[in-house]
PDB file of N, CA and C in Angstrom:
ATOM      1  N   MET A   1     -14.827  -6.880   5.342  1.00  0.00           N
ATOM      2  CA  MET A   1     -15.009  -7.860   4.317  1.00  0.00           C
ATOM      3  C   MET A   1     -15.119  -9.227   4.980  1.00  0.00           C
ATOM      4  N   ARG A   2     -15.978 -10.038   4.464  1.00  0.00           N
ATOM      5  CA  ARG A   2     -16.159 -11.384   5.013  1.00  0.00           C
ATOM      6  C   ARG A   2     -15.590 -12.414   4.050  1.00  0.00           C
ATOM      7  N   TYR A   3     -14.931 -13.410   4.610  1.00  0.00           N
ATOM      8  CA  TYR A   3     -14.380 -14.498   3.818  1.00  0.00           C
ATOM      9  C   TYR A   3     -14.110 -15.664   4.756  1.00  0.00           C
ATOM     10  N   SER A   4     -13.934 -16.824   4.192  1.00  0.00           N
ATOM     11  CA  SER A   4     -13.593 -17.993   4.981  1.00  0.00           C
ATOM     12  C   SER A   4     -12.081 -18.186   4.912  1.00  0.00           C
ATOM     13  N   GLU A   5     -11.413 -17.875   5.998  1.00  0.00           N
ATOM     14  CA  GLU A   5      -9.967 -18.016   6.052  1.00  0.00           C
ATOM     15  C   GLU A   5      -9.552 -19.474   5.836  1.00  0.00           C
ATOM     16  N   LYS A   6     -10.325 -20.394   6.366  1.00  0.00           N
ATOM     17  CA  LYS A   6     -10.000 -21.815   6.217  1.00  0.00           C
ATOM     18  C   LYS A   6     -10.079 -22.251   4.758  1.00  0.00           C
ATOM     19  N   LEU A   7     -11.109 -21.791   4.025  1.00  0.00           N
ATOM     20  CA  LEU A   7     -11.228 -22.147   2.611  1.00  0.00           C
ATOM     21  C   LEU A   7     -10.068 -21.574   1.795  1.00  0.00           C
ATOM     22  N   LEU A   8      -9.708 -20.357   2.089  1.00  0.00           N
ATOM     23  CA  LEU A   8      -8.593 -19.745   1.371  1.00  0.00           C
ATOM     24  C   LEU A   8      -7.288 -20.488   1.657  1.00  0.00           C
ATOM     25  N   GLU A   9      -7.064 -20.839   2.911  1.00  0.00           N
ATOM     26  CA  GLU A   9      -5.840 -21.551   3.265  1.00  0.00           C
ATOM     27  C   GLU A   9      -5.790 -22.925   2.600  1.00  0.00           C
ATOM     28  N   ARG A  10      -6.933 -23.585   2.485  1.00  0.00           N
ATOM     29  CA  ARG A  10      -6.976 -24.880   1.796  1.00  0.00           C
ATOM     30  C   ARG A  10      -6.593 -24.740   0.325  1.00  0.00           C
ATOM     31  N   ALA A  11      -6.866 -23.571  -0.238  1.00  0.00           N
ATOM     32  CA  ALA A  11      -6.531 -23.305  -1.639  1.00  0.00           C
ATOM     33  C   ALA A  11      -5.097 -22.782  -1.787  1.00  0.00           C
ATOM     34  N   GLY A  12      -4.359 -22.739  -0.675  1.00  0.00           N
ATOM     35  CA  GLY A  12      -2.974 -22.291  -0.720  1.00  0.00           C
ATOM     36  C   GLY A  12      -2.797 -20.790  -0.626  1.00  0.00           C
ATOM     37  N   ILE A  13      -3.850 -20.096  -0.213  1.00  0.00           N
ATOM     38  CA  ILE A  13      -3.794 -18.632  -0.089  1.00  0.00           C
ATOM     39  C   ILE A  13      -3.648 -18.282   1.386  1.00  0.00           C
ATOM     40  N   SER A  14      -2.564 -17.589   1.723  1.00  0.00           N
ATOM     41  CA  SER A  14      -2.377 -17.176   3.111  1.00  0.00           C
ATOM     42  C   SER A  14      -3.090 -15.843   3.339  1.00  0.00           C
ATOM     43  N   VAL A  15      -3.604 -15.674   4.529  1.00  0.00           N
ATOM     44  CA  VAL A  15      -4.380 -14.486   4.867  1.00  0.00           C
ATOM     45  C   VAL A  15      -3.696 -13.762   6.016  1.00  0.00           C
ATOM     46  N   GLU A  16      -3.556 -12.461   5.849  1.00  0.00           N
ATOM     47  CA  GLU A  16      -3.004 -11.631   6.904  1.00  0.00           C
ATOM     48  C   GLU A  16      -4.004 -10.507   7.161  1.00  0.00           C
ATOM     49  N   THR A  17      -4.540 -10.449   8.374  1.00  0.00           N
ATOM     50  CA  THR A  17      -5.534  -9.422   8.677  1.00  0.00           C
ATOM     51  C   THR A  17      -4.839  -8.122   9.073  1.00  0.00           C
ATOM     52  N   LEU A  18      -5.451  -7.030   8.672  1.00  0.00           N
ATOM     53  CA  LEU A  18      -4.912  -5.713   8.973  1.00  0.00           C
ATOM     54  C   LEU A  18      -6.079  -4.743   9.078  1.00  0.00           C
ATOM     55  N   ASP A  19      -6.184  -4.082  10.204  1.00  0.00           N
ATOM     56  CA  ASP A  19      -7.237  -3.100  10.421  1.00  0.00           C
ATOM     57  C   ASP A  19      -6.942  -1.846   9.603  1.00  0.00           C
ATOM     58  N   LEU A  20      -7.970  -1.281   8.985  1.00  0.00           N
ATOM     59  CA  LEU A  20      -7.763  -0.095   8.149  1.00  0.00           C
ATOM     60  C   LEU A  20      -7.172   1.078   8.921  1.00  0.00           C
ATOM     61  N   SER A  21      -7.585   1.249  10.166  1.00  0.00           N
ATOM     62  CA  SER A  21      -7.037   2.361  10.946  1.00  0.00           C
ATOM     63  C   SER A  21      -5.538   2.161  11.180  1.00  0.00           C
ATOM     64  N   GLU A  22      -5.112   0.904  11.338  1.00  0.00           N
ATOM     65  CA  GLU A  22      -3.688   0.619  11.490  1.00  0.00           C
ATOM     66  C   GLU A  22      -2.945   0.890  10.177  1.00  0.00           C
ATOM     67  N   LEU A  23      -3.554   0.512   9.071  1.00  0.00           N
ATOM     68  CA  LEU A  23      -2.970   0.750   7.755  1.00  0.00           C
ATOM     69  C   LEU A  23      -2.757   2.246   7.531  1.00  0.00           C
ATOM     70  N   PHE A  24      -3.810   3.038   7.781  1.00  0.00           N
ATOM     71  CA  PHE A  24      -3.706   4.487   7.588  1.00  0.00           C
ATOM     72  C   PHE A  24      -2.710   5.112   8.561  1.00  0.00           C
ATOM     73  N   GLY A  25      -2.658   4.600   9.782  1.00  0.00           N
ATOM     74  CA  GLY A  25      -1.708   5.107  10.774  1.00  0.00           C
ATOM     75  C   GLY A  25      -0.275   4.867  10.348  1.00  0.00           C
ATOM     76  N   ARG A  26      -0.001   3.663   9.873  1.00  0.00           N
ATOM     77  CA  ARG A  26       1.358   3.352   9.404  1.00  0.00           C
ATOM     78  C   ARG A  26       1.734   4.232   8.218  1.00  0.00           C
ATOM     79  N   ALA A  27       0.799   4.413   7.303  1.00  0.00           N
ATOM     80  CA  ALA A  27       1.065   5.242   6.121  1.00  0.00           C
ATOM     81  C   ALA A  27       1.351   6.685   6.532  1.00  0.00           C
ATOM     82  N   ALA A  28       0.603   7.194   7.486  1.00  0.00           N
ATOM     83  CA  ALA A  28       0.793   8.577   7.930  1.00  0.00           C
ATOM     84  C   ALA A  28       2.153   8.776   8.597  1.00  0.00           C
ATOM     85  N   ARG A  29       2.682   7.724   9.197  1.00  0.00           N
ATOM     86  CA  ARG A  29       3.972   7.833   9.888  1.00  0.00           C
ATOM     87  C   ARG A  29       5.174   7.717   8.948  1.00  0.00           C
ATOM     88  N   LEU A  30       4.947   7.325   7.701  1.00  0.00           N
ATOM     89  CA  LEU A  30       6.067   7.243   6.758  1.00  0.00           C
ATOM     90  C   LEU A  30       6.609   8.641   6.487  1.00  0.00           C
ATOM     91  N   LYS A  31       7.895   8.772   6.556  1.00  0.00           N
ATOM     92  CA  LYS A  31       8.553  10.065   6.311  1.00  0.00           C
ATOM     93  C   LYS A  31       8.678  10.320   4.810  1.00  0.00           C
ATOM     94  N   ALA A  32       8.659  11.567   4.436  1.00  0.00           N
ATOM     95  CA  ALA A  32       8.745  11.957   3.033  1.00  0.00           C
ATOM     96  C   ALA A  32      10.064  11.514   2.404  1.00  0.00           C
ATOM     97  N   ASP A  33      11.115  11.361   3.223  1.00  0.00           N
ATOM     98  CA  ASP A  33      12.422  10.970   2.685  1.00  0.00           C
ATOM     99  C   ASP A  33      12.683   9.463   2.780  1.00  0.00           C
ATOM    100  N   ASP A  34      11.645   8.682   3.072  1.00  0.00           N
ATOM    101  CA  ASP A  34      11.792   7.226   3.164  1.00  0.00           C
ATOM    102  C   ASP A  34      12.158   6.674   1.786  1.00  0.00           C
ATOM    103  N   PRO A  35      13.237   5.892   1.691  1.00  0.00           N
ATOM    104  CA  PRO A  35      13.650   5.366   0.386  1.00  0.00           C
ATOM    105  C   PRO A  35      12.605   4.447  -0.252  1.00  0.00           C
ATOM    106  N   GLN A  36      11.855   3.729   0.549  1.00  0.00           N
ATOM    107  CA  GLN A  36      10.800   2.871   0.008  1.00  0.00           C
ATOM    108  C   GLN A  36       9.719   3.710  -0.665  1.00  0.00           C
ATOM    109  N   LEU A  37       9.412   4.856  -0.072  1.00  0.00           N
ATOM    110  CA  LEU A  37       8.397   5.745  -0.623  1.00  0.00           C
ATOM    111  C   LEU A  37       8.851   6.298  -1.971  1.00  0.00           C
ATOM    112  N   ALA A  38      10.099   6.743  -2.042  1.00  0.00           N
ATOM    113  CA  ALA A  38      10.637   7.266  -3.304  1.00  0.00           C
ATOM    114  C   ALA A  38      10.621   6.193  -4.387  1.00  0.00           C
ATOM    115  N   ALA A  39      10.998   4.980  -4.017  1.00  0.00           N
ATOM    116  CA  ALA A  39      11.009   3.875  -4.990  1.00  0.00           C
ATOM    117  C   ALA A  39       9.597   3.554  -5.466  1.00  0.00           C
ATOM    118  N   LYS A  40       8.639   3.572  -4.554  1.00  0.00           N
ATOM    119  CA  LYS A  40       7.254   3.261  -4.924  1.00  0.00           C
ATOM    120  C   LYS A  40       6.693   4.350  -5.831  1.00  0.00           C
ATOM    121  N   LEU A  41       6.994   5.604  -5.549  1.00  0.00           N
ATOM    122  CA  LEU A  41       6.540   6.702  -6.411  1.00  0.00           C
ATOM    123  C   LEU A  41       7.096   6.537  -7.822  1.00  0.00           C
ATOM    124  N   GLU A  42       8.367   6.204  -7.928  1.00  0.00           N
ATOM    125  CA  GLU A  42       8.981   5.988  -9.243  1.00  0.00           C
ATOM    126  C   GLU A  42       8.305   4.831  -9.966  1.00  0.00           C
ATOM    127  N   GLU A  43       8.052   3.765  -9.233  1.00  0.00           N
ATOM    128  CA  GLU A  43       7.400   2.588  -9.809  1.00  0.00           C
ATOM    129  C   GLU A  43       6.005   2.935 -10.335  1.00  0.00           C
ATOM    130  N   MET A  44       5.253   3.686  -9.549  1.00  0.00           N
ATOM    131  CA  MET A  44       3.898   4.073  -9.946  1.00  0.00           C
ATOM    132  C   MET A  44       3.927   4.964 -11.180  1.00  0.00           C
ATOM    133  N   GLN A  45       4.830   5.929 -11.201  1.00  0.00           N
ATOM    134  CA  GLN A  45       4.899   6.867 -12.321  1.00  0.00           C
ATOM    135  C   GLN A  45       5.390   6.182 -13.597  1.00  0.00           C
ATOM    136  N   ALA A  46       6.187   5.135 -13.460  1.00  0.00           N
ATOM    137  CA  ALA A  46       6.642   4.385 -14.629  1.00  0.00           C
ATOM    138  C   ALA A  46       5.535   3.480 -15.165  1.00  0.00           C
ATOM    139  N   TYR A  47       4.606   3.114 -14.301  1.00  0.00           N
ATOM    140  CA  TYR A  47       3.550   2.179 -14.666  1.00  0.00           C
ATOM    141  C   TYR A  47       2.422   2.853 -15.440  1.00  0.00           C
ATOM    142  N   VAL A  48       2.047   4.059 -15.015  1.00  0.00           N
ATOM    143  CA  VAL A  48       0.909   4.738 -15.629  1.00  0.00           C
ATOM    144  C   VAL A  48       1.169   6.251 -15.664  1.00  0.00           C
ATOM    145  N   PRO A  49       0.769   6.927 -16.734  1.00  0.00           N
ATOM    146  CA  PRO A  49       0.938   8.382 -16.777  1.00  0.00           C
ATOM    147  C   PRO A  49       0.135   9.042 -15.648  1.00  0.00           C
ATOM    148  N   ALA A  50       0.781   9.897 -14.895  1.00  0.00           N
ATOM    149  CA  ALA A  50       0.115  10.528 -13.750  1.00  0.00           C
ATOM    150  C   ALA A  50       0.348  12.030 -13.741  1.00  0.00           C
ATOM    151  N   GLY A  51       0.534  12.606 -14.919  1.00  0.00           N
ATOM    152  CA  GLY A  51       0.830  14.031 -15.013  1.00  0.00           C
ATOM    153  C   GLY A  51      -0.231  14.931 -14.409  1.00  0.00           C
ATOM    154  N   GLY A  52      -1.498  14.530 -14.461  1.00  0.00           N
ATOM    155  CA  GLY A  52      -2.577  15.367 -13.936  1.00  0.00           C
ATOM    156  C   GLY A  52      -2.923  15.088 -12.484  1.00  0.00           C
ATOM    157  N   VAL A  53      -2.210  14.162 -11.865  1.00  0.00           N
ATOM    158  CA  VAL A  53      -2.505  13.792 -10.474  1.00  0.00           C
ATOM    159  C   VAL A  53      -1.651  14.656  -9.548  1.00  0.00           C
ATOM    160  N   PRO A  54      -2.273  15.322  -8.578  1.00  0.00           N
ATOM    161  CA  PRO A  54      -1.498  16.152  -7.638  1.00  0.00           C
ATOM    162  C   PRO A  54      -0.452  15.320  -6.881  1.00  0.00           C
ATOM    163  N   ASN A  55       0.693  15.934  -6.617  1.00  0.00           N
ATOM    164  CA  ASN A  55       1.776  15.245  -5.903  1.00  0.00           C
ATOM    165  C   ASN A  55       1.321  14.686  -4.564  1.00  0.00           C
ATOM    166  N   GLN A  56       0.496  15.424  -3.848  1.00  0.00           N
ATOM    167  CA  GLN A  56       0.021  14.978  -2.542  1.00  0.00           C
ATOM    168  C   GLN A  56      -0.778  13.672  -2.677  1.00  0.00           C
ATOM    169  N   SER A  57      -1.589  13.572  -3.706  1.00  0.00           N
ATOM    170  CA  SER A  57      -2.375  12.354  -3.927  1.00  0.00           C
ATOM    171  C   SER A  57      -1.480  11.179  -4.298  1.00  0.00           C
ATOM    172  N   MET A  58      -0.494  11.432  -5.148  1.00  0.00           N
ATOM    173  CA  MET A  58       0.442  10.367  -5.512  1.00  0.00           C
ATOM    174  C   MET A  58       1.200   9.875  -4.285  1.00  0.00           C
ATOM    175  N   THR A  59       1.601  10.803  -3.434  1.00  0.00           N
ATOM    176  CA  THR A  59       2.333  10.431  -2.223  1.00  0.00           C
ATOM    177  C   THR A  59       1.462   9.597  -1.302  1.00  0.00           C
ATOM    178  N   ARG A  60       0.207   9.971  -1.143  1.00  0.00           N
ATOM    179  CA  ARG A  60      -0.706   9.184  -0.298  1.00  0.00           C
ATOM    180  C   ARG A  60      -0.863   7.767  -0.829  1.00  0.00           C
ATOM    181  N   MET A  61      -1.052   7.642  -2.137  1.00  0.00           N
ATOM    182  CA  MET A  61      -1.207   6.307  -2.731  1.00  0.00           C
ATOM    183  C   MET A  61       0.068   5.491  -2.560  1.00  0.00           C
ATOM    184  N   ALA A  62       1.208   6.137  -2.738  1.00  0.00           N
ATOM    185  CA  ALA A  62       2.482   5.430  -2.595  1.00  0.00           C
ATOM    186  C   ALA A  62       2.695   4.979  -1.150  1.00  0.00           C
ATOM    187  N   LYS A  63       2.336   5.821  -0.193  1.00  0.00           N
ATOM    188  CA  LYS A  63       2.467   5.440   1.216  1.00  0.00           C
ATOM    189  C   LYS A  63       1.608   4.221   1.531  1.00  0.00           C
ATOM    190  N   LEU A  64       0.375   4.226   1.058  1.00  0.00           N
ATOM    191  CA  LEU A  64      -0.498   3.071   1.275  1.00  0.00           C
ATOM    192  C   LEU A  64       0.088   1.820   0.622  1.00  0.00           C
ATOM    193  N   ALA A  65       0.626   1.967  -0.571  1.00  0.00           N
ATOM    194  CA  ALA A  65       1.218   0.831  -1.275  1.00  0.00           C
ATOM    195  C   ALA A  65       2.420   0.274  -0.522  1.00  0.00           C
ATOM    196  N   VAL A  66       3.254   1.145   0.015  1.00  0.00           N
ATOM    197  CA  VAL A  66       4.427   0.699   0.776  1.00  0.00           C
ATOM    198  C   VAL A  66       3.986  -0.104   1.996  1.00  0.00           C
ATOM    199  N   VAL A  67       2.997   0.404   2.718  1.00  0.00           N
ATOM    200  CA  VAL A  67       2.513  -0.286   3.912  1.00  0.00           C
ATOM    201  C   VAL A  67       1.889  -1.630   3.559  1.00  0.00           C
ATOM    202  N   ILE A  68       1.102  -1.662   2.507  1.00  0.00           N
ATOM    203  CA  ILE A  68       0.462  -2.922   2.093  1.00  0.00           C
ATOM    204  C   ILE A  68       1.533  -3.922   1.654  1.00  0.00           C
ATOM    205  N   ASP A  69       2.521  -3.467   0.893  1.00  0.00           N
ATOM    206  CA  ASP A  69       3.583  -4.359   0.443  1.00  0.00           C
ATOM    207  C   ASP A  69       4.388  -4.923   1.607  1.00  0.00           C
ATOM    208  N   ASP A  70       4.606  -4.092   2.632  1.00  0.00           N
ATOM    209  CA  ASP A  70       5.369  -4.544   3.800  1.00  0.00           C
ATOM    210  C   ASP A  70       4.599  -5.555   4.630  1.00  0.00           C
ATOM    211  N   GLY A  71       3.272  -5.495   4.500  1.00  0.00           N
ATOM    212  CA  GLY A  71       2.417  -6.427   5.240  1.00  0.00           C
ATOM    213  C   GLY A  71       2.474  -6.139   6.653  1.00  0.00           C
TER     214      GLY A  71
END
């Protein structure tokens, strides 16, 4: 994605770059018993009905969310 970091910073928006391969790597290393992961899954399930979504898919989304939130 292309953007002007200087323009965003002038508008008060801080930018933190993160390579997608690093993001996916961090997510893959999260353990199934990580308390942050359990909390994120609960948060996601409380936010939107996900009864038809496979557990594996929910876990993947939650792992990505945990990594993104941690920055």
